[in-house]
Amino acid sequence: MEPSTTSASPAQDTAMDCILQEITAVGRRLGGMDFTICTLAAETKAICLDIAGFEPRVMGLEQRVTLMEDHLNTVPDRDQELLNLHIKLIDLEDRSHRDKVHFFGFP
């Protein structure tokens, strides 16, 4: 059975939303950047995980959320890592809209 890459339970969505909100809050506080979290689609949630090095075809969203949480809990400077993820997320969003390229690793 192949892992799911596009669907998530409400609990998984909530966990990912919390991470994305934390990334946004840190980006605003440390980087002076503004980013509207409510515009993020399900695919963008996958991008958030991908930029931390998790390939969407390899595992489902639940596993990626767990890995992202583990990753954020083990880095020496959580705020700095969240800021780094925030910058990458904005960059990928900008490129995907500008170039109309699908960055999410799905067929």
PDB file of N, CA and C in Angstrom:
ATOM      1  N   MET A   1       0.842  -1.186   0.000  1.00  0.00           N
ATOM      2  CA  MET A   1       0.000   0.000   0.000  1.00  0.00           C
ATOM      3  C   MET A   1       0.884   1.245   0.000  1.00  0.00           C
ATOM      4  N   GLU A   2       0.569   2.170  -0.902  1.00  0.00           N
ATOM      5  CA  GLU A   2       1.384   3.381  -1.008  1.00  0.00           C
ATOM      6  C   GLU A   2       0.976   4.389   0.063  1.00  0.00           C
ATOM      7  N   PRO A   3       1.940   5.141   0.579  1.00  0.00           N
ATOM      8  CA  PRO A   3       1.585   6.157   1.577  1.00  0.00           C
ATOM      9  C   PRO A   3       0.785   7.282   0.941  1.00  0.00           C
ATOM     10  N   SER A   4      -0.085   7.847   1.740  1.00  0.00           N
ATOM     11  CA  SER A   4      -0.884   8.978   1.261  1.00  0.00           C
ATOM     12  C   SER A   4      -0.030  10.232   1.241  1.00  0.00           C
ATOM     13  N   THR A   5      -0.131  10.994   0.142  1.00  0.00           N
ATOM     14  CA  THR A   5       0.652  12.227   0.052  1.00  0.00           C
ATOM     15  C   THR A   5      -0.247  13.455  -0.021  1.00  0.00           C
ATOM     16  N   THR A   6      -1.562  13.248  -0.131  1.00  0.00           N
ATOM     17  CA  THR A   6      -2.436  14.406  -0.319  1.00  0.00           C
ATOM     18  C   THR A   6      -3.508  14.540   0.741  1.00  0.00           C
ATOM     19  N   SER A   7      -3.783  13.493   1.510  1.00  0.00           N
ATOM     20  CA  SER A   7      -4.843  13.597   2.502  1.00  0.00           C
ATOM     21  C   SER A   7      -4.255  13.495   3.897  1.00  0.00           C
ATOM     22  N   ALA A   8      -5.001  14.053   4.837  1.00  0.00           N
ATOM     23  CA  ALA A   8      -4.553  14.009   6.220  1.00  0.00           C
ATOM     24  C   ALA A   8      -5.766  14.013   7.124  1.00  0.00           C
ATOM     25  N   SER A   9      -5.599  13.459   8.298  1.00  0.00           N
ATOM     26  CA  SER A   9      -6.672  13.527   9.275  1.00  0.00           C
ATOM     27  C   SER A   9      -6.723  14.939   9.851  1.00  0.00           C
ATOM     28  N   PRO A  10      -7.822  15.305  10.490  1.00  0.00           N
ATOM     29  CA  PRO A  10      -7.884  16.631  11.117  1.00  0.00           C
ATOM     30  C   PRO A  10      -6.756  16.866  12.121  1.00  0.00           C
ATOM     31  N   ALA A  11      -6.364  15.827  12.848  1.00  0.00           N
ATOM     32  CA  ALA A  11      -5.279  15.982  13.822  1.00  0.00           C
ATOM     33  C   ALA A  11      -3.956  16.277  13.125  1.00  0.00           C
ATOM     34  N   GLN A  12      -3.716  15.606  12.006  1.00  0.00           N
ATOM     35  CA  GLN A  12      -2.476  15.852  11.253  1.00  0.00           C
ATOM     36  C   GLN A  12      -2.488  17.258  10.666  1.00  0.00           C
ATOM     37  N   ASP A  13      -3.633  17.663  10.128  1.00  0.00           N
ATOM     38  CA  ASP A  13      -3.751  19.022   9.608  1.00  0.00           C
ATOM     39  C   ASP A  13      -3.476  20.042  10.700  1.00  0.00           C
ATOM     40  N   THR A  14      -4.027  19.806  11.879  1.00  0.00           N
ATOM     41  CA  THR A  14      -3.835  20.727  12.993  1.00  0.00           C
ATOM     42  C   THR A  14      -2.374  20.794  13.396  1.00  0.00           C
ATOM     43  N   ALA A  15      -1.699  19.657  13.456  1.00  0.00           N
ATOM     44  CA  ALA A  15      -0.278  19.634  13.815  1.00  0.00           C
ATOM     45  C   ALA A  15       0.539  20.410  12.796  1.00  0.00           C
ATOM     46  N   MET A  16       0.242  20.223  11.507  1.00  0.00           N
ATOM     47  CA  MET A  16       0.978  20.934  10.471  1.00  0.00           C
ATOM     48  C   MET A  16       0.659  22.422  10.517  1.00  0.00           C
ATOM     49  N   ASP A  17      -0.604  22.763  10.737  1.00  0.00           N
ATOM     50  CA  ASP A  17      -0.984  24.174  10.832  1.00  0.00           C
ATOM     51  C   ASP A  17      -0.238  24.853  11.977  1.00  0.00           C
ATOM     52  N   CYS A  18      -0.105  24.158  13.092  1.00  0.00           N
ATOM     53  CA  CYS A  18       0.617  24.728  14.240  1.00  0.00           C
ATOM     54  C   CYS A  18       2.071  25.015  13.881  1.00  0.00           C
ATOM     55  N   ILE A  19       2.721  24.079  13.173  1.00  0.00           N
ATOM     56  CA  ILE A  19       4.105  24.279  12.757  1.00  0.00           C
ATOM     57  C   ILE A  19       4.194  25.465  11.803  1.00  0.00           C
ATOM     58  N   LEU A  20       3.275  25.530  10.832  1.00  0.00           N
ATOM     59  CA  LEU A  20       3.290  26.632   9.873  1.00  0.00           C
ATOM     60  C   LEU A  20       3.048  27.971  10.563  1.00  0.00           C
ATOM     61  N   GLN A  21       2.154  27.998  11.528  1.00  0.00           N
ATOM     62  CA  GLN A  21       1.893  29.233  12.262  1.00  0.00           C
ATOM     63  C   GLN A  21       3.118  29.645  13.069  1.00  0.00           C
ATOM     64  N   GLU A  22       3.810  28.666  13.622  1.00  0.00           N
ATOM     65  CA  GLU A  22       5.023  28.970  14.382  1.00  0.00           C
ATOM     66  C   GLU A  22       6.111  29.519  13.456  1.00  0.00           C
ATOM     67  N   ILE A  23       6.243  28.908  12.282  1.00  0.00           N
ATOM     68  CA  ILE A  23       7.209  29.419  11.297  1.00  0.00           C
ATOM     69  C   ILE A  23       6.885  30.864  10.950  1.00  0.00           C
ATOM     70  N   THR A  24       5.616  31.147  10.717  1.00  0.00           N
ATOM     71  CA  THR A  24       5.198  32.499  10.345  1.00  0.00           C
ATOM     72  C   THR A  24       5.455  33.493  11.469  1.00  0.00           C
ATOM     73  N   ALA A  25       5.105  33.105  12.691  1.00  0.00           N
ATOM     74  CA  ALA A  25       5.287  34.006  13.829  1.00  0.00           C
ATOM     75  C   ALA A  25       6.759  34.352  14.031  1.00  0.00           C
ATOM     76  N   VAL A  26       7.614  33.341  13.915  1.00  0.00           N
ATOM     77  CA  VAL A  26       9.049  33.579  14.079  1.00  0.00           C
ATOM     78  C   VAL A  26       9.580  34.435  12.937  1.00  0.00           C
ATOM     79  N   GLY A  27       9.094  34.170  11.727  1.00  0.00           N
ATOM     80  CA  GLY A  27       9.517  34.979  10.588  1.00  0.00           C
ATOM     81  C   GLY A  27       9.184  36.451  10.786  1.00  0.00           C
ATOM     82  N   ARG A  28       8.009  36.704  11.294  1.00  0.00           N
ATOM     83  CA  ARG A  28       7.608  38.093  11.548  1.00  0.00           C
ATOM     84  C   ARG A  28       8.448  38.712  12.662  1.00  0.00           C
ATOM     85  N   ARG A  29       8.672  37.949  13.714  1.00  0.00           N
ATOM     86  CA  ARG A  29       9.365  38.490  14.884  1.00  0.00           C
ATOM     87  C   ARG A  29      10.853  38.697  14.626  1.00  0.00           C
ATOM     88  N   LEU A  30      11.499  37.701  14.009  1.00  0.00           N
ATOM     89  CA  LEU A  30      12.944  37.766  13.836  1.00  0.00           C
ATOM     90  C   LEU A  30      13.360  38.378  12.508  1.00  0.00           C
ATOM     91  N   GLY A  31      12.544  38.177  11.481  1.00  0.00           N
ATOM     92  CA  GLY A  31      12.951  38.606  10.151  1.00  0.00           C
ATOM     93  C   GLY A  31      12.215  39.817   9.625  1.00  0.00           C
ATOM     94  N   GLY A  32      11.186  40.266  10.343  1.00  0.00           N
ATOM     95  CA  GLY A  32      10.413  41.398   9.882  1.00  0.00           C
ATOM     96  C   GLY A  32       9.606  41.099   8.629  1.00  0.00           C
ATOM     97  N   MET A  33       9.346  39.805   8.353  1.00  0.00           N
ATOM     98  CA  MET A  33       8.629  39.418   7.140  1.00  0.00           C
ATOM     99  C   MET A  33       7.161  39.180   7.466  1.00  0.00           C
ATOM    100  N   ASP A  34       6.333  39.444   6.484  1.00  0.00           N
ATOM    101  CA  ASP A  34       4.913  39.176   6.653  1.00  0.00           C
ATOM    102  C   ASP A  34       4.503  38.082   5.674  1.00  0.00           C
ATOM    103  N   PHE A  35       3.703  37.153   6.139  1.00  0.00           N
ATOM    104  CA  PHE A  35       3.293  36.031   5.308  1.00  0.00           C
ATOM    105  C   PHE A  35       1.953  35.547   5.823  1.00  0.00           C
ATOM    106  N   THR A  36       0.969  35.447   4.959  1.00  0.00           N
ATOM    107  CA  THR A  36      -0.372  35.059   5.382  1.00  0.00           C
ATOM    108  C   THR A  36      -0.508  33.551   5.376  1.00  0.00           C
ATOM    109  N   ILE A  37      -0.583  32.980   6.548  1.00  0.00           N
ATOM    110  CA  ILE A  37      -0.600  31.523   6.678  1.00  0.00           C
ATOM    111  C   ILE A  37      -1.884  30.926   6.128  1.00  0.00           C
ATOM    112  N   CYS A  38      -2.985  31.651   6.173  1.00  0.00           N
ATOM    113  CA  CYS A  38      -4.268  31.073   5.775  1.00  0.00           C
ATOM    114  C   CYS A  38      -4.343  30.848   4.269  1.00  0.00           C
ATOM    115  N   THR A  39      -3.415  31.381   3.486  1.00  0.00           N
ATOM    116  CA  THR A  39      -3.440  31.159   2.038  1.00  0.00           C
ATOM    117  C   THR A  39      -2.776  29.850   1.647  1.00  0.00           C
ATOM    118  N   LEU A  40      -2.157  29.156   2.601  1.00  0.00           N
ATOM    119  CA  LEU A  40      -1.429  27.929   2.261  1.00  0.00           C
ATOM    120  C   LEU A  40      -2.383  26.787   1.936  1.00  0.00           C
ATOM    121  N   ALA A  41      -2.128  26.145   0.801  1.00  0.00           N
ATOM    122  CA  ALA A  41      -2.923  24.985   0.393  1.00  0.00           C
ATOM    123  C   ALA A  41      -2.290  23.714   0.939  1.00  0.00           C
ATOM    124  N   ALA A  42      -2.956  22.598   0.752  1.00  0.00           N
ATOM    125  CA  ALA A  42      -2.433  21.326   1.247  1.00  0.00           C
ATOM    126  C   ALA A  42      -1.064  21.028   0.646  1.00  0.00           C
ATOM    127  N   GLU A  43      -0.873  21.363  -0.628  1.00  0.00           N
ATOM    128  CA  GLU A  43       0.418  21.112  -1.262  1.00  0.00           C
ATOM    129  C   GLU A  43       1.516  21.943  -0.620  1.00  0.00           C
ATOM    130  N   THR A  44       1.175  23.137  -0.166  1.00  0.00           N
ATOM    131  CA  THR A  44       2.170  23.991   0.460  1.00  0.00           C
ATOM    132  C   THR A  44       2.574  23.419   1.814  1.00  0.00           C
ATOM    133  N   LYS A  45       1.667  22.746   2.472  1.00  0.00           N
ATOM    134  CA  LYS A  45       2.033  22.055   3.710  1.00  0.00           C
ATOM    135  C   LYS A  45       3.096  21.010   3.391  1.00  0.00           C
ATOM    136  N   ALA A  46       2.952  20.335   2.263  1.00  0.00           N
ATOM    137  CA  ALA A  46       3.951  19.348   1.856  1.00  0.00           C
ATOM    138  C   ALA A  46       5.284  20.032   1.586  1.00  0.00           C
ATOM    139  N   ILE A  47       5.264  21.200   0.971  1.00  0.00           N
ATOM    140  CA  ILE A  47       6.498  21.941   0.704  1.00  0.00           C
ATOM    141  C   ILE A  47       7.205  22.278   2.011  1.00  0.00           C
ATOM    142  N   CYS A  48       6.454  22.641   3.023  1.00  0.00           N
ATOM    143  CA  CYS A  48       7.047  22.979   4.315  1.00  0.00           C
ATOM    144  C   CYS A  48       7.841  21.797   4.840  1.00  0.00           C
ATOM    145  N   LEU A  49       7.311  20.614   4.661  1.00  0.00           N
ATOM    146  CA  LEU A  49       8.019  19.421   5.100  1.00  0.00           C
ATOM    147  C   LEU A  49       9.180  19.095   4.173  1.00  0.00           C
ATOM    148  N   ASP A  50       8.978  19.285   2.873  1.00  0.00           N
ATOM    149  CA  ASP A  50      10.030  18.968   1.911  1.00  0.00           C
ATOM    150  C   ASP A  50      11.276  19.805   2.139  1.00  0.00           C
ATOM    151  N   ILE A  51      11.118  21.073   2.527  1.00  0.00           N
ATOM    152  CA  ILE A  51      12.287  21.922   2.693  1.00  0.00           C
ATOM    153  C   ILE A  51      13.128  21.500   3.884  1.00  0.00           C
ATOM    154  N   ALA A  52      12.544  20.688   4.757  1.00  0.00           N
ATOM    155  CA  ALA A  52      13.337  20.129   5.846  1.00  0.00           C
ATOM    156  C   ALA A  52      13.980  18.806   5.432  1.00  0.00           C
ATOM    157  N   GLY A  53      13.781  18.432   4.174  1.00  0.00           N
ATOM    158  CA  GLY A  53      14.447  17.249   3.642  1.00  0.00           C
ATOM    159  C   GLY A  53      13.606  16.000   3.579  1.00  0.00           C
ATOM    160  N   PHE A  54      12.305  16.133   3.667  1.00  0.00           N
ATOM    161  CA  PHE A  54      11.440  14.962   3.648  1.00  0.00           C
ATOM    162  C   PHE A  54      10.746  14.851   2.295  1.00  0.00           C
ATOM    163  N   GLU A  55      11.015  13.756   1.599  1.00  0.00           N
ATOM    164  CA  GLU A  55      10.493  13.540   0.257  1.00  0.00           C
ATOM    165  C   GLU A  55       9.051  13.038   0.326  1.00  0.00           C
ATOM    166  N   PRO A  56       8.097  13.734  -0.325  1.00  0.00           N
ATOM    167  CA  PRO A  56       6.689  13.364  -0.188  1.00  0.00           C
ATOM    168  C   PRO A  56       6.336  11.991  -0.758  1.00  0.00           C
ATOM    169  N   ARG A  57       7.093  11.488  -1.716  1.00  0.00           N
ATOM    170  CA  ARG A  57       6.755  10.183  -2.284  1.00  0.00           C
ATOM    171  C   ARG A  57       7.189   9.041  -1.367  1.00  0.00           C
ATOM    172  N   VAL A  58       8.026   9.316  -0.421  1.00  0.00           N
ATOM    173  CA  VAL A  58       8.583   8.268   0.425  1.00  0.00           C
ATOM    174  C   VAL A  58       7.688   7.960   1.618  1.00  0.00           C
ATOM    175  N   MET A  59       7.005   8.963   2.124  1.00  0.00           N
ATOM    176  CA  MET A  59       6.199   8.748   3.322  1.00  0.00           C
ATOM    177  C   MET A  59       4.943   9.610   3.279  1.00  0.00           C
ATOM    178  N   GLY A  60       3.981   9.231   4.073  1.00  0.00           N
ATOM    179  CA  GLY A  60       2.736   9.973   4.136  1.00  0.00           C
ATOM    180  C   GLY A  60       2.847  11.204   5.017  1.00  0.00           C
ATOM    181  N   LEU A  61       1.787  12.002   5.009  1.00  0.00           N
ATOM    182  CA  LEU A  61       1.796  13.267   5.754  1.00  0.00           C
ATOM    183  C   LEU A  61       1.995  13.040   7.253  1.00  0.00           C
ATOM    184  N   GLU A  62       1.361  12.013   7.809  1.00  0.00           N
ATOM    185  CA  GLU A  62       1.483  11.770   9.243  1.00  0.00           C
ATOM    186  C   GLU A  62       2.943  11.566   9.638  1.00  0.00           C
ATOM    187  N   GLN A  63       3.668  10.754   8.858  1.00  0.00           N
ATOM    188  CA  GLN A  63       5.084  10.519   9.157  1.00  0.00           C
ATOM    189  C   GLN A  63       5.896  11.806   8.998  1.00  0.00           C
ATOM    190  N   ARG A  64       5.552  12.614   7.980  1.00  0.00           N
ATOM    191  CA  ARG A  64       6.310  13.835   7.746  1.00  0.00           C
ATOM    192  C   ARG A  64       6.063  14.859   8.852  1.00  0.00           C
ATOM    193  N   VAL A  65       4.820  14.927   9.335  1.00  0.00           N
ATOM    194  CA  VAL A  65       4.529  15.833  10.447  1.00  0.00           C
ATOM    195  C   VAL A  65       5.336  15.428  11.672  1.00  0.00           C
ATOM    196  N   THR A  66       5.367  14.113  11.946  1.00  0.00           N
ATOM    197  CA  THR A  66       6.137  13.619  13.090  1.00  0.00           C
ATOM    198  C   THR A  66       7.616  13.950  12.935  1.00  0.00           C
ATOM    199  N   LEU A  67       8.158  13.733  11.737  1.00  0.00           N
ATOM    200  CA  LEU A  67       9.568  14.038  11.498  1.00  0.00           C
ATOM    201  C   LEU A  67       9.854  15.529  11.644  1.00  0.00           C
ATOM    202  N   MET A  68       8.934  16.370  11.154  1.00  0.00           N
ATOM    203  CA  MET A  68       9.131  17.811  11.279  1.00  0.00           C
ATOM    204  C   MET A  68       9.121  18.222  12.748  1.00  0.00           C
ATOM    205  N   GLU A  69       8.183  17.686  13.512  1.00  0.00           N
ATOM    206  CA  GLU A  69       8.129  18.002  14.940  1.00  0.00           C
ATOM    207  C   GLU A  69       9.409  17.536  15.634  1.00  0.00           C
ATOM    208  N   ASP A  70       9.842  16.320  15.311  1.00  0.00           N
ATOM    209  CA  ASP A  70      11.085  15.805  15.893  1.00  0.00           C
ATOM    210  C   ASP A  70      12.270  16.691  15.512  1.00  0.00           C
ATOM    211  N   HIS A  71      12.309  17.076  14.244  1.00  0.00           N
ATOM    212  CA  HIS A  71      13.389  17.932  13.743  1.00  0.00           C
ATOM    213  C   HIS A  71      13.422  19.259  14.519  1.00  0.00           C
ATOM    214  N   LEU A  72      12.267  19.880  14.671  1.00  0.00           N
ATOM    215  CA  LEU A  72      12.213  21.177  15.353  1.00  0.00           C
ATOM    216  C   LEU A  72      12.529  21.054  16.846  1.00  0.00           C
ATOM    217  N   ASN A  73      12.256  19.881  17.407  1.00  0.00           N
ATOM    218  CA  ASN A  73      12.529  19.677  18.834  1.00  0.00           C
ATOM    219  C   ASN A  73      13.986  19.335  19.119  1.00  0.00           C
ATOM    220  N   THR A  74      14.771  19.018  18.069  1.00  0.00           N
ATOM    221  CA  THR A  74      16.152  18.603  18.299  1.00  0.00           C
ATOM    222  C   THR A  74      17.187  19.625  17.832  1.00  0.00           C
ATOM    223  N   VAL A  75      16.760  20.627  17.038  1.00  0.00           N
ATOM    224  CA  VAL A  75      17.742  21.614  16.574  1.00  0.00           C
ATOM    225  C   VAL A  75      18.179  22.495  17.745  1.00  0.00           C
ATOM    226  N   PRO A  76      19.430  22.972  17.738  1.00  0.00           N
ATOM    227  CA  PRO A  76      19.931  23.772  18.859  1.00  0.00           C
ATOM    228  C   PRO A  76      19.195  25.106  19.016  1.00  0.00           C
ATOM    229  N   ASP A  77      18.809  25.725  17.906  1.00  0.00           N
ATOM    230  CA  ASP A  77      18.129  27.018  17.961  1.00  0.00           C
ATOM    231  C   ASP A  77      16.839  26.916  17.164  1.00  0.00           C
ATOM    232  N   ARG A  78      15.763  26.588  17.874  1.00  0.00           N
ATOM    233  CA  ARG A  78      14.469  26.368  17.217  1.00  0.00           C
ATOM    234  C   ARG A  78      14.004  27.614  16.466  1.00  0.00           C
ATOM    235  N   ASP A  79      14.138  28.787  17.063  1.00  0.00           N
ATOM    236  CA  ASP A  79      13.697  30.018  16.404  1.00  0.00           C
ATOM    237  C   ASP A  79      14.451  30.254  15.100  1.00  0.00           C
ATOM    238  N   GLN A  80      15.759  30.029  15.125  1.00  0.00           N
ATOM    239  CA  GLN A  80      16.545  30.234  13.906  1.00  0.00           C
ATOM    240  C   GLN A  80      16.148  29.236  12.828  1.00  0.00           C
ATOM    241  N   GLU A  81      15.919  27.994  13.221  1.00  0.00           N
ATOM    242  CA  GLU A  81      15.501  26.981  12.247  1.00  0.00           C
ATOM    243  C   GLU A  81      14.136  27.326  11.662  1.00  0.00           C
ATOM    244  N   LEU A  82      13.218  27.793  12.495  1.00  0.00           N
ATOM    245  CA  LEU A  82      11.901  28.193  12.006  1.00  0.00           C
ATOM    246  C   LEU A  82      12.020  29.370  11.042  1.00  0.00           C
ATOM    247  N   LEU A  83      12.920  30.292  11.341  1.00  0.00           N
ATOM    248  CA  LEU A  83      13.147  31.424  10.437  1.00  0.00           C
ATOM    249  C   LEU A  83      13.700  30.918   9.099  1.00  0.00           C
ATOM    250  N   ASN A  84      14.640  29.993   9.150  1.00  0.00           N
ATOM    251  CA  ASN A  84      15.194  29.423   7.921  1.00  0.00           C
ATOM    252  C   ASN A  84      14.098  28.756   7.086  1.00  0.00           C
ATOM    253  N   LEU A  85      13.227  27.984   7.758  1.00  0.00           N
ATOM    254  CA  LEU A  85      12.137  27.316   7.063  1.00  0.00           C
ATOM    255  C   LEU A  85      11.174  28.340   6.474  1.00  0.00           C
ATOM    256  N   HIS A  86      10.933  29.404   7.210  1.00  0.00           N
ATOM    257  CA  HIS A  86      10.041  30.485   6.765  1.00  0.00           C
ATOM    258  C   HIS A  86      10.563  31.114   5.472  1.00  0.00           C
ATOM    259  N   ILE A  87      11.848  31.402   5.447  1.00  0.00           N
ATOM    260  CA  ILE A  87      12.464  32.019   4.265  1.00  0.00           C
ATOM    261  C   ILE A  87      12.362  31.071   3.064  1.00  0.00           C
ATOM    262  N   LYS A  88      12.657  29.780   3.296  1.00  0.00           N
ATOM    263  CA  LYS A  88      12.590  28.805   2.209  1.00  0.00           C
ATOM    264  C   LYS A  88      11.162  28.649   1.705  1.00  0.00           C
ATOM    265  N   LEU A  89      10.214  28.644   2.634  1.00  0.00           N
ATOM    266  CA  LEU A  89       8.815  28.487   2.251  1.00  0.00           C
ATOM    267  C   LEU A  89       8.368  29.658   1.382  1.00  0.00           C
ATOM    268  N   ILE A  90       8.712  30.868   1.762  1.00  0.00           N
ATOM    269  CA  ILE A  90       8.354  32.046   0.965  1.00  0.00           C
ATOM    270  C   ILE A  90       9.019  31.968  -0.407  1.00  0.00           C
ATOM    271  N   ASP A  91      10.280  31.575  -0.438  1.00  0.00           N
ATOM    272  CA  ASP A  91      11.005  31.485  -1.700  1.00  0.00           C
ATOM    273  C   ASP A  91      10.361  30.462  -2.636  1.00  0.00           C
ATOM    274  N   LEU A  92      10.006  29.304  -2.103  1.00  0.00           N
ATOM    275  CA  LEU A  92       9.390  28.269  -2.922  1.00  0.00           C
ATOM    276  C   LEU A  92       8.007  28.694  -3.394  1.00  0.00           C
ATOM    277  N   GLU A  93       7.250  29.341  -2.517  1.00  0.00           N
ATOM    278  CA  GLU A  93       5.931  29.842  -2.906  1.00  0.00           C
ATOM    279  C   GLU A  93       6.059  30.868  -4.022  1.00  0.00           C
ATOM    280  N   ASP A  94       7.010  31.760  -3.879  1.00  0.00           N
ATOM    281  CA  ASP A  94       7.221  32.810  -4.874  1.00  0.00           C
ATOM    282  C   ASP A  94       7.583  32.198  -6.230  1.00  0.00           C
ATOM    283  N   ARG A  95       8.503  31.244  -6.219  1.00  0.00           N
ATOM    284  CA  ARG A  95       8.920  30.603  -7.472  1.00  0.00           C
ATOM    285  C   ARG A  95       7.779  29.801  -8.093  1.00  0.00           C
ATOM    286  N   SER A  96       6.998  29.121  -7.267  1.00  0.00           N
ATOM    287  CA  SER A  96       5.924  28.304  -7.824  1.00  0.00           C
ATOM    288  C   SER A  96       4.859  29.181  -8.476  1.00  0.00           C
ATOM    289  N   HIS A  97       4.602  30.340  -7.903  1.00  0.00           N
ATOM    290  CA  HIS A  97       3.613  31.240  -8.506  1.00  0.00           C
ATOM    291  C   HIS A  97       4.188  31.939  -9.732  1.00  0.00           C
ATOM    292  N   ARG A  98       5.431  32.359  -9.640  1.00  0.00           N
ATOM    293  CA  ARG A  98       6.046  33.109 -10.741  1.00  0.00           C
ATOM    294  C   ARG A  98       6.248  32.219 -11.970  1.00  0.00           C
ATOM    295  N   ASP A  99       6.738  31.015 -11.745  1.00  0.00           N
ATOM    296  CA  ASP A  99       7.086  30.138 -12.859  1.00  0.00           C
ATOM    297  C   ASP A  99       5.989  29.118 -13.193  1.00  0.00           C
ATOM    298  N   LYS A 100       4.947  29.094 -12.378  1.00  0.00           N
ATOM    299  CA  LYS A 100       3.853  28.133 -12.557  1.00  0.00           C
ATOM    300  C   LYS A 100       4.379  26.706 -12.577  1.00  0.00           C
ATOM    301  N   VAL A 101       5.347  26.443 -11.718  1.00  0.00           N
ATOM    302  CA  VAL A 101       5.965  25.115 -11.652  1.00  0.00           C
ATOM    303  C   VAL A 101       5.414  24.377 -10.429  1.00  0.00           C
ATOM    304  N   HIS A 102       5.189  23.087 -10.592  1.00  0.00           N
ATOM    305  CA  HIS A 102       4.693  22.276  -9.482  1.00  0.00           C
ATOM    306  C   HIS A 102       5.890  21.726  -8.714  1.00  0.00           C
ATOM    307  N   PHE A 103       6.108  22.232  -7.510  1.00  0.00           N
ATOM    308  CA  PHE A 103       7.307  21.896  -6.744  1.00  0.00           C
ATOM    309  C   PHE A 103       7.105  20.759  -5.748  1.00  0.00           C
ATOM    310  N   PHE A 104       5.916  20.175  -5.718  1.00  0.00           N
ATOM    311  CA  PHE A 104       5.573  19.394  -4.543  1.00  0.00           C
ATOM    312  C   PHE A 104       5.936  17.921  -4.618  1.00  0.00           C
ATOM    313  N   GLY A 105       6.464  17.457  -5.758  1.00  0.00           N
ATOM    314  CA  GLY A 105       6.912  16.082  -5.850  1.00  0.00           C
ATOM    315  C   GLY A 105       5.813  15.087  -6.131  1.00  0.00           C
ATOM    316  N   PHE A 106       4.620  15.581  -6.437  1.00  0.00           N
ATOM    317  CA  PHE A 106       3.528  14.681  -6.757  1.00  0.00           C
ATOM    318  C   PHE A 106       3.417  14.542  -8.267  1.00  0.00           C
ATOM    319  N   PRO A 107       2.964  13.403  -8.769  1.00  0.00           N
ATOM    320  CA  PRO A 107       2.835  13.213 -10.228  1.00  0.00           C
ATOM    321  C   PRO A 107       1.817  14.185 -10.822  1.00  0.00           C
TER     322      PRO A 107
END
